[in-house]
C-alpha atoms as a PDB file:
ATOM      1  CA  MET A   1       0.000   0.000   0.000  1.00  0.00           C
ATOM      2  CA  PRO A   2       1.475   3.398  -0.930  1.00  0.00           C
ATOM      3  CA  ALA A   3       2.262   5.857   1.856  1.00  0.00           C
ATOM      4  CA  ILE A   4      -0.263   8.594   2.511  1.00  0.00           C
ATOM      5  CA  ASN A   5       0.981  12.033   1.602  1.00  0.00           C
ATOM      6  CA  GLU A   6       0.600  13.579   5.076  1.00  0.00           C
ATOM      7  CA  PRO A   7       1.121  17.227   4.062  1.00  0.00           C
ATOM      8  CA  ALA A   8      -1.632  16.914   1.466  1.00  0.00           C
ATOM      9  CA  ALA A   9      -3.929  15.156   3.963  1.00  0.00           C
ATOM     10  CA  THR A  10      -3.432  18.012   6.407  1.00  0.00           C
ATOM     11  CA  LYS A  11      -4.319  20.688   3.828  1.00  0.00           C
ATOM     12  CA  THR A  12      -7.106  18.934   1.908  1.00  0.00           C
ATOM     13  CA  ILE A  13     -10.602  19.716   3.180  1.00  0.00           C
ATOM     14  CA  ILE A  14     -13.066  16.836   2.963  1.00  0.00           C
ATOM     15  CA  VAL A  15     -16.683  16.231   3.884  1.00  0.00           C
ATOM     16  CA  ALA A  16     -17.716  12.879   5.340  1.00  0.00           C
ATOM     17  CA  GLU A  17     -21.472  12.318   5.438  1.00  0.00           C
ATOM     18  CA  PHE A  18     -22.831   9.307   7.281  1.00  0.00           C
ATOM     19  CA  THR A  19     -26.179   7.701   7.970  1.00  0.00           C
ATOM     20  CA  VAL A  20     -26.626   5.069  10.665  1.00  0.00           C
ATOM     21  CA  GLU A  21     -29.310   2.385  10.518  1.00  0.00           C
ATOM     22  CA  PRO A  22     -31.698   1.029  11.600  1.00  0.00           C
ATOM     23  CA  PHE A  23     -33.891   4.113  11.674  1.00  0.00           C
ATOM     24  CA  GLU A  24     -36.210   4.483  14.626  1.00  0.00           C
ATOM     25  CA  ALA A  25     -39.330   6.562  14.060  1.00  0.00           C
ATOM     26  CA  SER A  26     -39.739   8.106  17.503  1.00  0.00           C
ATOM     27  CA  ALA A  27     -36.172   9.143  18.377  1.00  0.00           C
ATOM     28  CA  PRO A  28     -32.575   8.363  17.433  1.00  0.00           C
ATOM     29  CA  GLY A  29     -31.494   4.971  18.721  1.00  0.00           C
ATOM     30  CA  PRO A  30     -28.393   4.398  20.843  1.00  0.00           C
ATOM     31  CA  HIS A  31     -26.397   3.441  17.739  1.00  0.00           C
ATOM     32  CA  VAL A  32     -27.178   6.827  16.156  1.00  0.00           C
ATOM     33  CA  LEU A  33     -26.482   8.771  19.343  1.00  0.00           C
ATOM     34  CA  ALA A  34     -23.147   6.982  19.774  1.00  0.00           C
ATOM     35  CA  ALA A  35     -22.092   7.852  16.219  1.00  0.00           C
ATOM     36  CA  ILE A  36     -23.053  11.507  16.693  1.00  0.00           C
ATOM     37  CA  ALA A  37     -21.208  11.671  20.024  1.00  0.00           C
ATOM     38  CA  ALA A  38     -18.104  10.234  18.350  1.00  0.00           C
ATOM     39  CA  ALA A  39     -18.334  12.860  15.607  1.00  0.00           C
ATOM     40  CA  GLU A  40     -18.853  15.657  18.124  1.00  0.00           C
ATOM     41  CA  SER A  41     -15.794  14.522  20.088  1.00  0.00           C
ATOM     42  CA  GLY A  42     -13.649  15.774  17.224  1.00  0.00           C
ATOM     43  CA  ALA A  43     -15.226  19.196  16.843  1.00  0.00           C
ATOM     44  CA  ASN A  44     -12.732  22.034  17.002  1.00  0.00           C
ATOM     45  CA  GLU A  45     -12.009  25.285  15.180  1.00  0.00           C
ATOM     46  CA  GLN A  46     -11.077  23.294  12.036  1.00  0.00           C
ATOM     47  CA  VAL A  47     -13.775  20.602  12.154  1.00  0.00           C
ATOM     48  CA  GLU A  48     -17.447  21.425  11.622  1.00  0.00           C
ATOM     49  CA  ILE A  49     -20.267  19.028  12.520  1.00  0.00           C
ATOM     50  CA  GLU A  50     -23.717  19.320  10.929  1.00  0.00           C
ATOM     51  CA  ILE A  51     -26.392  17.017  12.336  1.00  0.00           C
ATOM     52  CA  GLY A  52     -29.470  16.492  10.187  1.00  0.00           C
ATOM     53  CA  PRO A  53     -32.598  14.366  10.512  1.00  0.00           C
ATOM     54  CA  PHE A  54     -31.278  11.656   8.179  1.00  0.00           C
ATOM     55  CA  GLY A  55     -27.538  11.971   8.510  1.00  0.00           C
ATOM     56  CA  THR A  56     -24.548  13.840   9.837  1.00  0.00           C
ATOM     57  CA  ALA A  57     -21.770  15.653   7.983  1.00  0.00           C
ATOM     58  CA  ILE A  58     -18.307  16.389   9.315  1.00  0.00           C
ATOM     59  CA  THR A  59     -16.083  18.813   7.416  1.00  0.00           C
ATOM     60  CA  GLY A  60     -12.437  19.653   7.934  1.00  0.00           C
ATOM     61  CA  PRO A  61      -8.848  18.657   7.213  1.00  0.00           C
ATOM     62  CA  ALA A  62      -8.631  15.162   5.747  1.00  0.00           C
ATOM     63  CA  ASP A  63      -6.355  13.767   8.442  1.00  0.00           C
ATOM     64  CA  GLN A  64      -8.752  14.795  11.214  1.00  0.00           C
ATOM     65  CA  ILE A  65     -11.913  13.735   9.372  1.00  0.00           C
ATOM     66  CA  LEU A  66     -10.542  10.324   8.411  1.00  0.00           C
ATOM     67  CA  ALA A  67      -9.619   9.670  12.053  1.00  0.00           C
ATOM     68  CA  LEU A  68     -13.128  10.730  13.110  1.00  0.00           C
ATOM     69  CA  VAL A  69     -14.713   8.442  10.506  1.00  0.00           C
ATOM     70  CA  ASP A  70     -13.002   5.502  12.206  1.00  0.00           C
ATOM     71  CA  LYS A  71     -14.383   6.591  15.606  1.00  0.00           C
ATOM     72  CA  VAL A  72     -17.879   7.114  14.181  1.00  0.00           C
ATOM     73  CA  ASN A  73     -17.979   3.716  12.503  1.00  0.00           C
ATOM     74  CA  ARG A  74     -16.709   1.900  15.588  1.00  0.00           C
ATOM     75  CA  ALA A  75     -19.134   3.715  17.895  1.00  0.00           C
ATOM     76  CA  ALA A  76     -22.109   2.964  15.647  1.00  0.00           C
ATOM     77  CA  VAL A  77     -21.290  -0.716  15.145  1.00  0.00           C
ATOM     78  CA  ASN A  78     -20.429  -1.269  18.806  1.00  0.00           C
ATOM     79  CA  SER A  79     -23.787   0.268  19.764  1.00  0.00           C
ATOM     80  CA  GLY A  80     -25.896  -1.950  17.508  1.00  0.00           C
ATOM     81  CA  ALA A  81     -25.955  -0.340  14.055  1.00  0.00           C
ATOM     82  CA  SER A  82     -26.923  -2.720  11.270  1.00  0.00           C
ATOM     83  CA  ARG A  83     -25.477  -0.404   8.607  1.00  0.00           C
ATOM     84  CA  VAL A  84     -23.382   2.736   8.352  1.00  0.00           C
ATOM     85  CA  SER A  85     -23.499   4.457   4.970  1.00  0.00           C
ATOM     86  CA  LEU A  86     -20.593   6.800   4.335  1.00  0.00           C
ATOM     87  CA  GLN A  87     -19.808   9.223   1.546  1.00  0.00           C
ATOM     88  CA  ILE A  88     -16.554  11.179   1.450  1.00  0.00           C
ATOM     89  CA  SER A  89     -15.917  14.066  -0.923  1.00  0.00           C
ATOM     90  CA  SER A  90     -13.181  16.659  -1.195  1.00  0.00           C
ATOM     91  CA  GLN A  91     -13.821  20.365  -1.520  1.00  0.00           C
END
């Protein structure tokens, strides 16, 4: 596997949008709340979190966002998620 170009990862801004399932009609389930809490744990002056009714977006430097994506996925799965859909795009 080729080495990651760290300087580029630090400067590149990406958006990671995720949706956690299963959906619960009345309120977010523990798997959703855990994923959101993991995302919020990385919020700082460079990382923006946007929580929506059907998904969450985290925006910031690639190195920070990619580390948060790992935390989000682990938190969701460990809390009972049956699926985590993830889309990453660069700005």
